Amino acid sequence: MTFGTGKEKILRKKIMKKVKVGQLALKAGVLPSTIRYYAKEGLLEVVEKTPGGYQLFDEDKSLKIISEVKRYQSKRLSITEIKERIGGK
């Protein structure tokens, strides 16, 4: 986003909040194994791995995707059909 006029334009970028599997699972209301499964299936992107091996996810983006997946699951779509609609690998 760009704010201001003329020479005073300021470029503001959204700061990504990175969360671990357990934190994301808690906020999304799913099990940590579900988060790992979605990542394995290409629905969620691991944005970073810590030196300790923790997977980190973009909180906002991941929560939106999980919400979409839940919506599609409520309509009885398979994981393959969900991936086609969301654009997973």
Protein backbone atom coordinates (compact mmCIF):
# COMPACT_ATOMS: atom_id res chain seq x y z
CA MET A 1 0.00 0.00 0.00
CA THR A 2 1.18 3.51 -0.68
CA PHE A 3 0.17 6.45 1.49
CA GLY A 4 0.84 10.16 1.16
CA THR A 5 1.26 12.44 -1.78
CA GLY A 6 4.15 13.55 -3.95
CA LYS A 7 7.56 13.03 -2.39
CA GLU A 8 6.03 12.01 0.94
CA LYS A 9 4.81 8.61 -0.21
CA ILE A 10 5.35 5.89 2.35
CA LEU A 11 5.33 2.26 1.38
CA ARG A 12 3.76 0.09 4.06
CA LYS A 13 4.07 -3.65 3.98
CA LYS A 14 2.05 -6.04 6.03
CA ILE A 15 4.25 -7.73 8.59
CA MET A 16 3.89 -11.49 8.54
CA LYS A 17 3.28 -13.13 11.89
CA LYS A 18 4.92 -16.55 11.91
CA VAL A 19 3.43 -19.26 14.11
CA LYS A 20 4.33 -22.84 14.96
CA VAL A 21 2.14 -25.83 14.13
CA GLY A 22 0.57 -26.04 17.61
CA GLN A 23 -0.22 -22.33 17.77
CA LEU A 24 -1.83 -22.38 14.34
CA ALA A 25 -3.82 -25.52 15.18
CA LEU A 26 -5.14 -23.96 18.37
CA LYS A 27 -6.25 -20.77 16.60
CA ALA A 28 -7.82 -22.72 13.73
CA GLY A 29 -9.57 -25.25 15.96
CA VAL A 30 -7.90 -28.28 14.39
CA LEU A 31 -5.31 -30.82 15.49
CA PRO A 32 -1.59 -30.22 14.88
CA SER A 33 -1.58 -33.37 12.72
CA THR A 34 -4.15 -31.67 10.47
CA ILE A 35 -1.83 -28.69 9.98
CA ARG A 36 1.06 -31.01 9.09
CA TYR A 37 -1.20 -32.94 6.68
CA TYR A 38 -2.34 -29.76 4.92
CA ALA A 39 1.31 -28.69 4.59
CA LYS A 40 2.26 -32.11 3.19
CA GLU A 41 -0.61 -31.89 0.69
CA GLY A 42 0.50 -28.43 -0.44
CA LEU A 43 -2.46 -26.50 0.95
CA LEU A 44 -0.37 -24.67 3.56
CA GLU A 45 3.07 -23.22 2.97
CA VAL A 46 5.85 -23.62 5.51
CA VAL A 47 7.47 -20.16 5.35
CA GLU A 48 10.41 -21.05 7.54
CA LYS A 49 11.98 -23.89 9.48
CA THR A 50 13.78 -23.04 12.69
CA PRO A 51 17.19 -24.51 13.53
CA GLY A 52 15.32 -26.74 15.99
CA GLY A 53 13.17 -28.13 13.17
CA TYR A 54 9.93 -26.27 13.94
CA GLN A 55 7.77 -25.44 10.93
CA LEU A 56 6.56 -21.85 10.84
CA PHE A 57 3.49 -20.65 8.97
CA ASP A 58 2.12 -17.23 7.99
CA GLU A 59 -0.70 -16.94 10.54
CA ASP A 60 -3.19 -14.81 8.57
CA LYS A 61 -2.75 -16.59 5.24
CA SER A 62 -2.89 -20.04 6.82
CA LEU A 63 -6.01 -19.29 8.88
CA LYS A 64 -7.80 -18.09 5.73
CA ILE A 65 -6.85 -21.26 3.87
CA ILE A 66 -7.91 -23.51 6.75
CA SER A 67 -11.24 -21.70 6.90
CA GLU A 68 -11.73 -22.36 3.17
CA VAL A 69 -10.78 -26.02 3.58
CA LYS A 70 -13.30 -26.41 6.41
CA ARG A 71 -15.99 -24.80 4.26
CA TYR A 72 -15.27 -27.18 1.37
CA GLN A 73 -15.14 -30.17 3.72
CA SER A 74 -18.60 -29.25 5.01
CA LYS A 75 -19.75 -29.61 1.40
CA ARG A 76 -18.22 -33.11 1.35
CA LEU A 77 -15.46 -32.29 -1.15
CA SER A 78 -12.42 -34.57 -1.24
CA ILE A 79 -8.92 -33.25 -0.49
CA THR A 80 -8.15 -33.50 -4.22
CA GLU A 81 -11.18 -31.37 -5.11
CA ILE A 82 -10.29 -28.87 -2.39
CA LYS A 83 -6.73 -28.61 -3.69
CA GLU A 84 -8.07 -27.91 -7.19
CA ARG A 85 -10.23 -25.07 -5.91
CA ILE A 86 -7.68 -23.54 -3.55
CA GLY A 87 -4.71 -24.06 -5.82
CA GLY A 88 -2.57 -26.40 -3.74
CA LYS A 89 0.24 -28.47 -5.26
